[in-house]
Amino acid sequence: MKNRILADTTAWIEFFRGKSKVADRFEMLLIENAVCTCGVVMFEVLQGIKSEGEKNKILSILATLPYFEMMKKLWQSAAELSLSLKKNGVNLPLSDILIAAIAVENDLSIYTLDNHFTLIPNLKLYSF
């Protein structure tokens, strides 16, 4: 699939809140089957569940998405990315480093509301 989008947790939160430009666009990307996920994002989204109904809704959506895993080589790439950023004075959360490494390795664009992703070289950001 061309133009695959790895949605960061911030995009998911906005989607579940609804009634915004970000949420509307996210819904269209889901309909177009452009959204994919990874373990880190699944973890972050699922840890914020507030009800059984919300849990069922989230799990049913996540179950339909292509999933990207962190393999041994990718863990090394993520460590190298983190080290490179730190040498340039940029210290990002581990979760965001992992999301970025998955995106770069798999040629995915990141859909996020976090501006610090702009500090990561070779990372494509989805803009709407």
N, C-alpha and C. Protein backbone atom coordinates (compact mmCIF):
# COMPACT_ATOMS: atom_id res chain seq x y z
N MET A 1 0.84 -1.19 0.00
CA MET A 1 0.00 0.00 0.00
C MET A 1 0.88 1.24 0.00
N LYS A 2 0.57 2.15 -0.87
CA LYS A 2 1.31 3.40 -0.97
C LYS A 2 0.75 4.41 0.03
N ASN A 3 1.61 5.30 0.53
CA ASN A 3 1.20 6.37 1.44
C ASN A 3 0.58 5.83 2.73
N ARG A 4 1.25 4.89 3.34
CA ARG A 4 0.78 4.37 4.62
C ARG A 4 1.09 5.35 5.73
N ILE A 5 0.17 5.44 6.67
CA ILE A 5 0.26 6.40 7.76
C ILE A 5 0.35 5.65 9.09
N LEU A 6 1.39 5.96 9.87
CA LEU A 6 1.50 5.43 11.23
C LEU A 6 1.00 6.54 12.15
N ALA A 7 -0.17 6.33 12.71
CA ALA A 7 -0.77 7.35 13.56
C ALA A 7 -0.19 7.27 14.97
N ASP A 8 0.32 8.37 15.43
CA ASP A 8 0.83 8.50 16.78
C ASP A 8 -0.36 8.57 17.76
N THR A 9 -0.09 8.36 19.01
CA THR A 9 -1.13 8.37 20.03
C THR A 9 -1.88 9.69 20.07
N THR A 10 -1.21 10.79 19.82
CA THR A 10 -1.89 12.09 19.85
C THR A 10 -2.99 12.17 18.80
N ALA A 11 -2.75 11.57 17.64
CA ALA A 11 -3.77 11.55 16.58
C ALA A 11 -4.95 10.67 16.99
N TRP A 12 -4.65 9.53 17.61
CA TRP A 12 -5.71 8.65 18.10
C TRP A 12 -6.58 9.34 19.15
N ILE A 13 -5.95 10.04 20.06
CA ILE A 13 -6.69 10.74 21.12
C ILE A 13 -7.63 11.76 20.49
N GLU A 14 -7.11 12.51 19.54
CA GLU A 14 -7.94 13.52 18.87
C GLU A 14 -9.07 12.86 18.09
N PHE A 15 -8.80 11.73 17.48
CA PHE A 15 -9.83 10.99 16.75
C PHE A 15 -10.96 10.56 17.69
N PHE A 16 -10.61 10.03 18.84
CA PHE A 16 -11.64 9.56 19.78
C PHE A 16 -12.39 10.72 20.43
N ARG A 17 -11.77 11.87 20.52
CA ARG A 17 -12.48 13.05 21.02
C ARG A 17 -13.50 13.52 19.99
N GLY A 18 -13.13 13.41 18.70
CA GLY A 18 -14.03 13.75 17.60
C GLY A 18 -14.20 15.24 17.39
N LYS A 19 -14.96 15.57 16.36
CA LYS A 19 -15.36 16.94 16.03
C LYS A 19 -14.19 17.92 15.90
N SER A 20 -13.20 17.53 15.13
CA SER A 20 -12.10 18.43 14.81
C SER A 20 -11.59 18.07 13.41
N LYS A 21 -10.82 18.95 12.85
CA LYS A 21 -10.24 18.71 11.53
C LYS A 21 -9.34 17.47 11.56
N VAL A 22 -8.56 17.34 12.63
CA VAL A 22 -7.67 16.19 12.78
C VAL A 22 -8.48 14.90 12.86
N ALA A 23 -9.53 14.90 13.67
CA ALA A 23 -10.38 13.71 13.82
C ALA A 23 -11.07 13.34 12.52
N ASP A 24 -11.59 14.34 11.81
CA ASP A 24 -12.27 14.08 10.54
C ASP A 24 -11.31 13.48 9.52
N ARG A 25 -10.11 14.04 9.43
CA ARG A 25 -9.13 13.53 8.47
C ARG A 25 -8.68 12.12 8.85
N PHE A 26 -8.51 11.90 10.14
CA PHE A 26 -8.12 10.57 10.63
C PHE A 26 -9.18 9.54 10.24
N GLU A 27 -10.43 9.89 10.40
CA GLU A 27 -11.52 8.98 10.03
C GLU A 27 -11.46 8.65 8.54
N MET A 28 -11.19 9.64 7.71
CA MET A 28 -11.07 9.40 6.27
C MET A 28 -9.89 8.47 5.96
N LEU A 29 -8.78 8.65 6.66
CA LEU A 29 -7.63 7.77 6.46
C LEU A 29 -7.96 6.33 6.86
N LEU A 30 -8.73 6.17 7.92
CA LEU A 30 -9.17 4.83 8.32
C LEU A 30 -10.05 4.21 7.23
N ILE A 31 -10.97 4.99 6.71
CA ILE A 31 -11.87 4.51 5.66
C ILE A 31 -11.07 4.12 4.42
N GLU A 32 -10.02 4.88 4.11
CA GLU A 32 -9.16 4.62 2.95
C GLU A 32 -8.17 3.49 3.19
N ASN A 33 -8.19 2.90 4.39
CA ASN A 33 -7.26 1.83 4.77
C ASN A 33 -5.81 2.28 4.69
N ALA A 34 -5.55 3.52 5.02
CA ALA A 34 -4.19 4.07 4.96
C ALA A 34 -3.47 4.00 6.31
N VAL A 35 -4.20 3.79 7.40
CA VAL A 35 -3.62 3.83 8.74
C VAL A 35 -3.08 2.46 9.13
N CYS A 36 -1.91 2.47 9.77
CA CYS A 36 -1.34 1.26 10.33
C CYS A 36 -0.95 1.55 11.78
N THR A 37 -0.51 0.54 12.48
CA THR A 37 -0.16 0.72 13.88
C THR A 37 1.08 -0.09 14.24
N CYS A 38 1.51 0.08 15.47
CA CYS A 38 2.65 -0.66 16.01
C CYS A 38 2.42 -0.88 17.49
N GLY A 39 3.25 -1.70 18.11
CA GLY A 39 3.07 -2.05 19.51
C GLY A 39 3.08 -0.86 20.46
N VAL A 40 3.98 0.07 20.24
CA VAL A 40 4.09 1.23 21.13
C VAL A 40 2.79 2.04 21.11
N VAL A 41 2.28 2.30 19.93
CA VAL A 41 1.04 3.08 19.82
C VAL A 41 -0.12 2.30 20.44
N MET A 42 -0.19 1.00 20.16
CA MET A 42 -1.25 0.18 20.75
C MET A 42 -1.20 0.26 22.27
N PHE A 43 -0.01 0.12 22.82
CA PHE A 43 0.16 0.21 24.28
C PHE A 43 -0.34 1.54 24.81
N GLU A 44 0.12 2.63 24.20
CA GLU A 44 -0.25 3.96 24.69
C GLU A 44 -1.75 4.20 24.58
N VAL A 45 -2.36 3.77 23.49
CA VAL A 45 -3.80 3.97 23.31
C VAL A 45 -4.58 3.11 24.31
N LEU A 46 -4.20 1.85 24.43
CA LEU A 46 -4.94 0.93 25.31
C LEU A 46 -4.79 1.25 26.79
N GLN A 47 -3.68 1.84 27.18
CA GLN A 47 -3.51 2.16 28.60
C GLN A 47 -4.42 3.32 29.04
N GLY A 48 -4.98 4.04 28.08
CA GLY A 48 -5.86 5.16 28.41
C GLY A 48 -7.34 4.83 28.38
N ILE A 49 -7.67 3.56 28.24
CA ILE A 49 -9.08 3.15 28.16
C ILE A 49 -9.82 3.50 29.45
N LYS A 50 -11.04 4.04 29.26
CA LYS A 50 -11.83 4.48 30.40
C LYS A 50 -13.07 3.62 30.66
N SER A 51 -13.47 2.81 29.68
CA SER A 51 -14.67 1.98 29.87
C SER A 51 -14.57 0.73 29.01
N GLU A 52 -15.41 -0.24 29.31
CA GLU A 52 -15.44 -1.48 28.54
C GLU A 52 -15.89 -1.21 27.10
N GLY A 53 -16.85 -0.30 26.94
CA GLY A 53 -17.32 0.05 25.60
C GLY A 53 -16.22 0.69 24.77
N GLU A 54 -15.45 1.58 25.41
CA GLU A 54 -14.32 2.22 24.72
C GLU A 54 -13.27 1.18 24.35
N LYS A 55 -13.01 0.25 25.27
CA LYS A 55 -12.05 -0.82 25.02
C LYS A 55 -12.46 -1.63 23.79
N ASN A 56 -13.72 -2.03 23.73
CA ASN A 56 -14.20 -2.83 22.60
C ASN A 56 -14.09 -2.07 21.28
N LYS A 57 -14.42 -0.79 21.31
CA LYS A 57 -14.33 0.04 20.11
C LYS A 57 -12.89 0.13 19.62
N ILE A 58 -11.99 0.43 20.53
CA ILE A 58 -10.57 0.58 20.18
C ILE A 58 -9.99 -0.73 19.67
N LEU A 59 -10.25 -1.82 20.37
CA LEU A 59 -9.71 -3.11 19.95
C LEU A 59 -10.25 -3.53 18.59
N SER A 60 -11.52 -3.24 18.32
CA SER A 60 -12.07 -3.63 17.02
C SER A 60 -11.44 -2.83 15.89
N ILE A 61 -11.13 -1.56 16.12
CA ILE A 61 -10.46 -0.75 15.10
C ILE A 61 -9.02 -1.23 14.91
N LEU A 62 -8.30 -1.40 16.01
CA LEU A 62 -6.89 -1.80 15.94
C LEU A 62 -6.73 -3.16 15.25
N ALA A 63 -7.68 -4.06 15.44
CA ALA A 63 -7.60 -5.40 14.86
C ALA A 63 -7.61 -5.38 13.34
N THR A 64 -8.13 -4.31 12.75
CA THR A 64 -8.23 -4.24 11.29
C THR A 64 -7.01 -3.61 10.63
N LEU A 65 -6.11 -3.07 11.42
CA LEU A 65 -4.99 -2.29 10.87
C LEU A 65 -3.74 -3.13 10.63
N PRO A 66 -3.01 -2.83 9.58
CA PRO A 66 -1.69 -3.46 9.41
C PRO A 66 -0.82 -3.11 10.62
N TYR A 67 -0.02 -4.08 11.04
CA TYR A 67 0.77 -3.94 12.26
C TYR A 67 2.26 -4.10 11.94
N PHE A 68 3.07 -3.19 12.48
CA PHE A 68 4.51 -3.23 12.29
C PHE A 68 5.18 -3.51 13.63
N GLU A 69 6.10 -4.45 13.60
CA GLU A 69 6.76 -4.94 14.81
C GLU A 69 8.20 -4.44 14.89
N MET A 70 8.71 -4.34 16.11
CA MET A 70 10.11 -4.01 16.35
C MET A 70 10.92 -5.31 16.32
N MET A 71 11.76 -5.45 15.31
CA MET A 71 12.64 -6.61 15.22
C MET A 71 14.02 -6.20 15.73
N LYS A 72 14.89 -7.17 15.90
CA LYS A 72 16.21 -6.94 16.49
C LYS A 72 16.97 -5.80 15.79
N LYS A 73 17.02 -5.83 14.47
CA LYS A 73 17.73 -4.79 13.72
C LYS A 73 17.12 -3.41 13.98
N LEU A 74 15.82 -3.36 14.12
CA LEU A 74 15.14 -2.08 14.33
C LEU A 74 15.42 -1.50 15.72
N TRP A 75 15.60 -2.37 16.71
CA TRP A 75 15.99 -1.90 18.04
C TRP A 75 17.35 -1.21 17.96
N GLN A 76 18.27 -1.78 17.18
CA GLN A 76 19.58 -1.17 17.01
C GLN A 76 19.46 0.17 16.29
N SER A 77 18.64 0.23 15.26
CA SER A 77 18.42 1.50 14.55
C SER A 77 17.83 2.56 15.47
N ALA A 78 16.91 2.15 16.32
CA ALA A 78 16.30 3.10 17.26
C ALA A 78 17.34 3.63 18.24
N ALA A 79 18.22 2.75 18.71
CA ALA A 79 19.28 3.19 19.62
C ALA A 79 20.22 4.17 18.94
N GLU A 80 20.56 3.89 17.68
CA GLU A 80 21.44 4.79 16.92
C GLU A 80 20.76 6.14 16.68
N LEU A 81 19.48 6.12 16.40
CA LEU A 81 18.73 7.36 16.22
C LEU A 81 18.73 8.18 17.51
N SER A 82 18.46 7.52 18.62
CA SER A 82 18.44 8.22 19.91
C SER A 82 19.80 8.82 20.23
N LEU A 83 20.86 8.05 20.01
CA LEU A 83 22.21 8.54 20.27
C LEU A 83 22.53 9.75 19.40
N SER A 84 22.17 9.67 18.13
CA SER A 84 22.42 10.78 17.21
C SER A 84 21.67 12.04 17.65
N LEU A 85 20.43 11.87 18.04
CA LEU A 85 19.65 13.03 18.50
C LEU A 85 20.24 13.62 19.77
N LYS A 86 20.64 12.77 20.71
CA LYS A 86 21.22 13.25 21.97
C LYS A 86 22.51 14.02 21.73
N LYS A 87 23.30 13.57 20.75
CA LYS A 87 24.54 14.28 20.42
C LYS A 87 24.25 15.69 19.92
N ASN A 88 23.05 15.88 19.38
CA ASN A 88 22.63 17.20 18.89
C ASN A 88 21.75 17.93 19.91
N GLY A 89 21.74 17.44 21.15
CA GLY A 89 21.01 18.10 22.21
C GLY A 89 19.51 17.84 22.23
N VAL A 90 19.06 16.82 21.51
CA VAL A 90 17.64 16.50 21.45
C VAL A 90 17.40 15.20 22.21
N ASN A 91 16.59 15.27 23.25
CA ASN A 91 16.28 14.10 24.05
C ASN A 91 14.78 13.84 23.97
N LEU A 92 14.39 12.80 23.24
CA LEU A 92 12.98 12.47 23.04
C LEU A 92 12.59 11.23 23.85
N PRO A 93 11.30 11.10 24.16
CA PRO A 93 10.84 9.90 24.88
C PRO A 93 11.12 8.63 24.07
N LEU A 94 11.40 7.55 24.78
CA LEU A 94 11.68 6.27 24.14
C LEU A 94 10.55 5.88 23.19
N SER A 95 9.32 6.07 23.61
CA SER A 95 8.18 5.68 22.77
C SER A 95 8.22 6.39 21.42
N ASP A 96 8.56 7.64 21.40
CA ASP A 96 8.61 8.40 20.15
C ASP A 96 9.79 8.00 19.27
N ILE A 97 10.90 7.64 19.90
CA ILE A 97 12.05 7.13 19.15
C ILE A 97 11.66 5.83 18.46
N LEU A 98 10.97 4.96 19.17
CA LEU A 98 10.57 3.67 18.59
C LEU A 98 9.58 3.86 17.45
N ILE A 99 8.61 4.74 17.64
CA ILE A 99 7.64 5.04 16.59
C ILE A 99 8.35 5.58 15.35
N ALA A 100 9.29 6.49 15.56
CA ALA A 100 10.04 7.07 14.45
C ALA A 100 10.87 6.01 13.73
N ALA A 101 11.52 5.14 14.48
CA ALA A 101 12.36 4.09 13.87
C ALA A 101 11.50 3.16 13.00
N ILE A 102 10.34 2.79 13.50
CA ILE A 102 9.42 1.94 12.72
C ILE A 102 8.99 2.66 11.45
N ALA A 103 8.66 3.93 11.57
CA ALA A 103 8.21 4.70 10.41
C ALA A 103 9.31 4.82 9.35
N VAL A 104 10.52 5.15 9.77
CA VAL A 104 11.62 5.31 8.82
C VAL A 104 11.92 3.97 8.14
N GLU A 105 12.01 2.91 8.92
CA GLU A 105 12.34 1.58 8.38
C GLU A 105 11.31 1.10 7.36
N ASN A 106 10.04 1.42 7.59
CA ASN A 106 8.96 0.89 6.75
C ASN A 106 8.38 1.93 5.79
N ASP A 107 9.07 3.06 5.65
CA ASP A 107 8.64 4.12 4.74
C ASP A 107 7.21 4.57 5.02
N LEU A 108 6.93 4.82 6.29
CA LEU A 108 5.61 5.29 6.73
C LEU A 108 5.69 6.77 7.07
N SER A 109 4.59 7.47 6.89
CA SER A 109 4.49 8.85 7.36
C SER A 109 3.85 8.83 8.75
N ILE A 110 4.28 9.73 9.60
CA ILE A 110 3.72 9.82 10.95
C ILE A 110 2.61 10.87 10.96
N TYR A 111 1.47 10.49 11.52
CA TYR A 111 0.37 11.43 11.74
C TYR A 111 0.38 11.76 13.22
N THR A 112 0.77 12.97 13.55
CA THR A 112 0.97 13.35 14.95
C THR A 112 0.64 14.81 15.18
N LEU A 113 0.41 15.13 16.42
CA LEU A 113 0.25 16.52 16.85
C LEU A 113 1.47 16.98 17.64
N ASP A 114 2.43 16.07 17.85
CA ASP A 114 3.66 16.39 18.59
C ASP A 114 4.70 17.01 17.66
N ASN A 115 5.06 18.23 17.94
CA ASN A 115 6.03 18.95 17.10
C ASN A 115 7.44 18.39 17.17
N HIS A 116 7.77 17.67 18.26
CA HIS A 116 9.15 17.20 18.37
C HIS A 116 9.51 16.14 17.33
N PHE A 117 8.52 15.55 16.66
CA PHE A 117 8.84 14.62 15.57
C PHE A 117 9.53 15.34 14.41
N THR A 118 9.35 16.65 14.32
CA THR A 118 10.01 17.41 13.26
C THR A 118 11.53 17.44 13.45
N LEU A 119 12.00 17.10 14.63
CA LEU A 119 13.43 17.12 14.93
C LEU A 119 14.14 15.85 14.47
N ILE A 120 13.39 14.88 13.97
CA ILE A 120 13.97 13.59 13.60
C ILE A 120 14.26 13.58 12.09
N PRO A 121 15.53 13.43 11.73
CA PRO A 121 15.89 13.41 10.30
C PRO A 121 15.33 12.19 9.59
N ASN A 122 15.05 12.35 8.31
CA ASN A 122 14.55 11.27 7.44
C ASN A 122 13.17 10.75 7.82
N LEU A 123 12.48 11.46 8.68
CA LEU A 123 11.12 11.05 9.08
C LEU A 123 10.11 11.83 8.27
N LYS A 124 9.20 11.12 7.63
CA LYS A 124 8.14 11.78 6.88
C LYS A 124 6.95 12.03 7.80
N LEU A 125 6.48 13.26 7.80
CA LEU A 125 5.30 13.60 8.59
C LEU A 125 4.10 13.76 7.68
N TYR A 126 2.98 13.23 8.11
CA TYR A 126 1.76 13.36 7.33
C TYR A 126 1.18 14.73 7.62
N SER A 127 0.90 15.50 6.58
CA SER A 127 0.27 16.79 6.77
C SER A 127 -1.04 16.80 6.01
N PHE A 128 -2.00 17.43 6.62
CA PHE A 128 -3.34 17.46 6.02
C PHE A 128 -3.74 18.86 5.68
